[in-house]
Amino acid sequence: MTKWEYERIDLNTLARNETDIDLLNEAGAQGWELIAINACNVAILKRAIPTTPTRAPRASSSGASNTGGGTSSSTTPRTK
């Protein structure tokens, strides 16, 4: 299932040398999709949140199991 994140851009606060089309095109280049412009001239945008695919755990390829039946390789000196 796709998860979305949302962003608002207040188009009333643009600098004089910047147009709303330039700003929305820049947002689109970053993956944002315009979904609405409300009556207050605020653009609402969304983009998909990237997800990492889940993978099933792999079985051991060696076929050997470590059941702990062997001896320990480290020894601790005993005090008398």
N, C-alpha and C. Protein backbone atom coordinates (compact mmCIF):
# COMPACT_ATOMS: atom_id res chain seq x y z
N MET A 1 0.84 -1.17 0.00
CA MET A 1 0.00 0.00 0.00
C MET A 1 0.89 1.25 0.00
N THR A 2 0.57 2.19 -0.83
CA THR A 2 1.34 3.42 -0.92
C THR A 2 1.02 4.34 0.24
N LYS A 3 2.06 4.87 0.87
CA LYS A 3 1.89 5.88 1.92
C LYS A 3 2.30 7.22 1.33
N TRP A 4 1.61 8.28 1.75
CA TRP A 4 1.81 9.60 1.19
C TRP A 4 2.26 10.59 2.26
N GLU A 5 3.03 11.58 1.83
CA GLU A 5 3.31 12.73 2.67
C GLU A 5 2.74 13.95 1.96
N TYR A 6 2.37 14.96 2.73
CA TYR A 6 1.69 16.13 2.19
C TYR A 6 2.45 17.40 2.53
N GLU A 7 2.29 18.40 1.68
CA GLU A 7 2.98 19.68 1.85
C GLU A 7 2.03 20.80 1.46
N ARG A 8 2.16 21.94 2.13
CA ARG A 8 1.41 23.14 1.78
C ARG A 8 2.39 24.22 1.34
N ILE A 9 2.03 24.94 0.29
CA ILE A 9 2.83 26.08 -0.16
C ILE A 9 1.89 27.28 -0.24
N ASP A 10 2.19 28.29 0.56
CA ASP A 10 1.38 29.51 0.55
C ASP A 10 1.84 30.36 -0.63
N LEU A 11 1.03 30.41 -1.67
CA LEU A 11 1.40 31.13 -2.89
C LEU A 11 1.31 32.64 -2.72
N ASN A 12 0.75 33.11 -1.61
CA ASN A 12 0.65 34.54 -1.34
C ASN A 12 1.97 35.14 -0.87
N THR A 13 2.92 34.30 -0.47
CA THR A 13 4.17 34.80 0.11
C THR A 13 5.34 34.73 -0.87
N LEU A 14 5.06 34.61 -2.16
CA LEU A 14 6.13 34.52 -3.15
C LEU A 14 6.84 35.86 -3.32
N ALA A 15 8.12 35.79 -3.61
CA ALA A 15 8.88 37.00 -3.92
C ALA A 15 8.40 37.55 -5.26
N ARG A 16 8.61 38.83 -5.49
CA ARG A 16 8.12 39.47 -6.73
C ARG A 16 8.71 38.84 -7.99
N ASN A 17 9.94 38.35 -7.92
CA ASN A 17 10.58 37.80 -9.11
C ASN A 17 10.30 36.31 -9.30
N GLU A 18 9.45 35.73 -8.46
CA GLU A 18 9.15 34.30 -8.53
C GLU A 18 7.67 34.12 -8.87
N THR A 19 7.38 33.23 -9.81
CA THR A 19 5.98 32.97 -10.16
C THR A 19 5.52 31.67 -9.51
N ASP A 20 4.22 31.54 -9.35
CA ASP A 20 3.69 30.31 -8.76
C ASP A 20 3.97 29.10 -9.66
N ILE A 21 3.98 29.29 -10.97
CA ILE A 21 4.26 28.19 -11.89
C ILE A 21 5.70 27.69 -11.70
N ASP A 22 6.65 28.61 -11.55
CA ASP A 22 8.05 28.21 -11.33
C ASP A 22 8.18 27.41 -10.03
N LEU A 23 7.52 27.88 -8.99
CA LEU A 23 7.59 27.20 -7.69
C LEU A 23 6.96 25.81 -7.75
N LEU A 24 5.82 25.69 -8.42
CA LEU A 24 5.15 24.39 -8.53
C LEU A 24 5.94 23.44 -9.43
N ASN A 25 6.58 23.96 -10.49
CA ASN A 25 7.43 23.11 -11.33
C ASN A 25 8.64 22.59 -10.55
N GLU A 26 9.20 23.44 -9.70
CA GLU A 26 10.33 23.02 -8.87
C GLU A 26 9.90 21.92 -7.90
N ALA A 27 8.72 22.08 -7.30
CA ALA A 27 8.20 21.05 -6.40
C ALA A 27 7.94 19.75 -7.17
N GLY A 28 7.42 19.85 -8.39
CA GLY A 28 7.18 18.67 -9.21
C GLY A 28 8.46 17.93 -9.54
N ALA A 29 9.54 18.66 -9.76
CA ALA A 29 10.83 18.03 -10.03
C ALA A 29 11.35 17.26 -8.82
N GLN A 30 10.86 17.60 -7.63
CA GLN A 30 11.25 16.90 -6.40
C GLN A 30 10.27 15.78 -6.07
N GLY A 31 9.33 15.50 -6.97
CA GLY A 31 8.41 14.38 -6.78
C GLY A 31 7.05 14.76 -6.22
N TRP A 32 6.80 16.06 -5.97
CA TRP A 32 5.52 16.49 -5.43
C TRP A 32 4.49 16.61 -6.54
N GLU A 33 3.25 16.24 -6.23
CA GLU A 33 2.12 16.34 -7.16
C GLU A 33 1.10 17.30 -6.57
N LEU A 34 0.71 18.30 -7.37
CA LEU A 34 -0.30 19.26 -6.93
C LEU A 34 -1.66 18.57 -6.91
N ILE A 35 -2.35 18.64 -5.77
CA ILE A 35 -3.68 18.03 -5.69
C ILE A 35 -4.79 19.07 -5.54
N ALA A 36 -4.44 20.29 -5.08
CA ALA A 36 -5.47 21.33 -4.95
C ALA A 36 -4.82 22.68 -4.68
N ILE A 37 -5.54 23.73 -5.04
CA ILE A 37 -5.22 25.08 -4.59
C ILE A 37 -6.51 25.59 -3.97
N ASN A 38 -6.47 25.91 -2.67
CA ASN A 38 -7.70 26.30 -1.98
C ASN A 38 -8.02 27.78 -2.20
N ALA A 39 -9.11 28.24 -1.63
CA ALA A 39 -9.59 29.61 -1.81
C ALA A 39 -8.63 30.65 -1.24
N CYS A 40 -7.76 30.25 -0.32
CA CYS A 40 -6.78 31.17 0.28
C CYS A 40 -5.48 31.20 -0.51
N ASN A 41 -5.46 30.58 -1.69
CA ASN A 41 -4.30 30.53 -2.58
C ASN A 41 -3.14 29.74 -1.96
N VAL A 42 -3.48 28.64 -1.29
CA VAL A 42 -2.50 27.74 -0.72
C VAL A 42 -2.53 26.44 -1.53
N ALA A 43 -1.38 26.05 -2.05
CA ALA A 43 -1.27 24.82 -2.84
C ALA A 43 -1.08 23.64 -1.90
N ILE A 44 -1.80 22.55 -2.16
CA ILE A 44 -1.67 21.31 -1.40
C ILE A 44 -1.03 20.29 -2.34
N LEU A 45 0.07 19.69 -1.88
CA LEU A 45 0.80 18.74 -2.70
C LEU A 45 0.98 17.43 -1.95
N LYS A 46 1.22 16.35 -2.70
CA LYS A 46 1.50 15.05 -2.08
C LYS A 46 2.60 14.36 -2.87
N ARG A 47 3.30 13.43 -2.20
CA ARG A 47 4.23 12.54 -2.89
C ARG A 47 4.32 11.24 -2.11
N ALA A 48 4.63 10.19 -2.83
CA ALA A 48 4.73 8.87 -2.21
C ALA A 48 5.96 8.80 -1.32
N ILE A 49 5.81 8.14 -0.18
CA ILE A 49 6.93 7.90 0.71
C ILE A 49 7.60 6.61 0.25
N PRO A 50 8.90 6.66 -0.08
CA PRO A 50 9.57 5.44 -0.54
C PRO A 50 9.56 4.37 0.55
N THR A 51 9.27 3.15 0.16
CA THR A 51 9.29 2.04 1.11
C THR A 51 10.29 1.02 0.63
N THR A 52 10.89 0.33 1.57
CA THR A 52 11.81 -0.74 1.21
C THR A 52 11.03 -2.05 1.20
N PRO A 53 11.22 -2.85 0.17
CA PRO A 53 10.48 -4.11 0.12
C PRO A 53 10.92 -5.04 1.24
N THR A 54 9.97 -5.77 1.79
CA THR A 54 10.31 -6.73 2.83
C THR A 54 10.65 -8.05 2.18
N ARG A 55 11.65 -8.71 2.70
CA ARG A 55 12.09 -9.98 2.14
C ARG A 55 11.98 -11.07 3.20
N ALA A 56 11.70 -12.27 2.73
CA ALA A 56 11.64 -13.41 3.64
C ALA A 56 13.05 -13.75 4.09
N PRO A 57 13.23 -14.17 5.34
CA PRO A 57 14.57 -14.55 5.80
C PRO A 57 15.09 -15.75 5.02
N ARG A 58 16.37 -15.73 4.72
CA ARG A 58 16.98 -16.83 3.97
C ARG A 58 17.40 -17.94 4.91
N ALA A 59 17.28 -19.17 4.43
CA ALA A 59 17.73 -20.33 5.20
C ALA A 59 19.25 -20.40 5.10
N SER A 60 19.88 -20.99 6.10
CA SER A 60 21.33 -21.14 6.11
C SER A 60 21.75 -22.04 4.96
N SER A 61 22.75 -21.63 4.20
CA SER A 61 23.18 -22.41 3.04
C SER A 61 24.16 -23.51 3.42
N SER A 62 24.74 -23.47 4.63
CA SER A 62 25.74 -24.48 5.00
C SER A 62 25.09 -25.78 5.43
N GLY A 63 23.87 -25.74 5.92
CA GLY A 63 23.19 -26.95 6.35
C GLY A 63 23.61 -27.40 7.74
N ALA A 64 24.65 -26.83 8.31
CA ALA A 64 25.10 -27.22 9.64
C ALA A 64 24.36 -26.40 10.67
N SER A 65 24.09 -27.02 11.79
CA SER A 65 23.44 -26.27 12.86
C SER A 65 24.39 -26.18 14.03
N ASN A 66 24.32 -25.10 14.75
CA ASN A 66 25.16 -24.89 15.91
C ASN A 66 24.30 -25.15 17.14
N THR A 67 24.39 -26.37 17.68
CA THR A 67 23.55 -26.73 18.82
C THR A 67 24.28 -26.58 20.14
N GLY A 68 25.55 -26.22 20.11
CA GLY A 68 26.28 -26.00 21.36
C GLY A 68 26.79 -27.27 21.99
N GLY A 69 26.89 -28.37 21.26
CA GLY A 69 27.33 -29.63 21.83
C GLY A 69 28.83 -29.76 21.93
N GLY A 70 29.60 -28.84 21.40
CA GLY A 70 31.06 -28.93 21.42
C GLY A 70 31.63 -28.33 22.68
N THR A 71 32.96 -28.27 22.73
CA THR A 71 33.63 -27.68 23.87
C THR A 71 33.92 -26.23 23.61
N SER A 72 34.09 -25.48 24.65
CA SER A 72 34.37 -24.07 24.53
C SER A 72 35.82 -23.87 24.11
N SER A 73 36.06 -22.90 23.24
CA SER A 73 37.42 -22.66 22.78
C SER A 73 38.19 -21.75 23.72
N SER A 74 37.52 -21.11 24.65
CA SER A 74 38.23 -20.25 25.59
C SER A 74 38.26 -20.91 26.95
N THR A 75 39.38 -20.78 27.63
CA THR A 75 39.50 -21.35 28.97
C THR A 75 39.78 -20.25 29.96
N THR A 76 39.21 -20.37 31.12
CA THR A 76 39.43 -19.41 32.19
C THR A 76 40.28 -20.08 33.26
N PRO A 77 41.42 -19.48 33.62
CA PRO A 77 42.25 -20.11 34.66
C PRO A 77 41.49 -20.17 35.99
N ARG A 78 41.64 -21.29 36.67
CA ARG A 78 40.99 -21.46 37.97
C ARG A 78 41.96 -21.09 39.07
N THR A 79 41.43 -20.49 40.09
CA THR A 79 42.28 -20.17 41.24
C THR A 79 42.11 -21.24 42.29
N LYS A 80 43.20 -21.52 43.02
CA LYS A 80 43.15 -22.56 44.05
C LYS A 80 42.96 -21.96 45.40
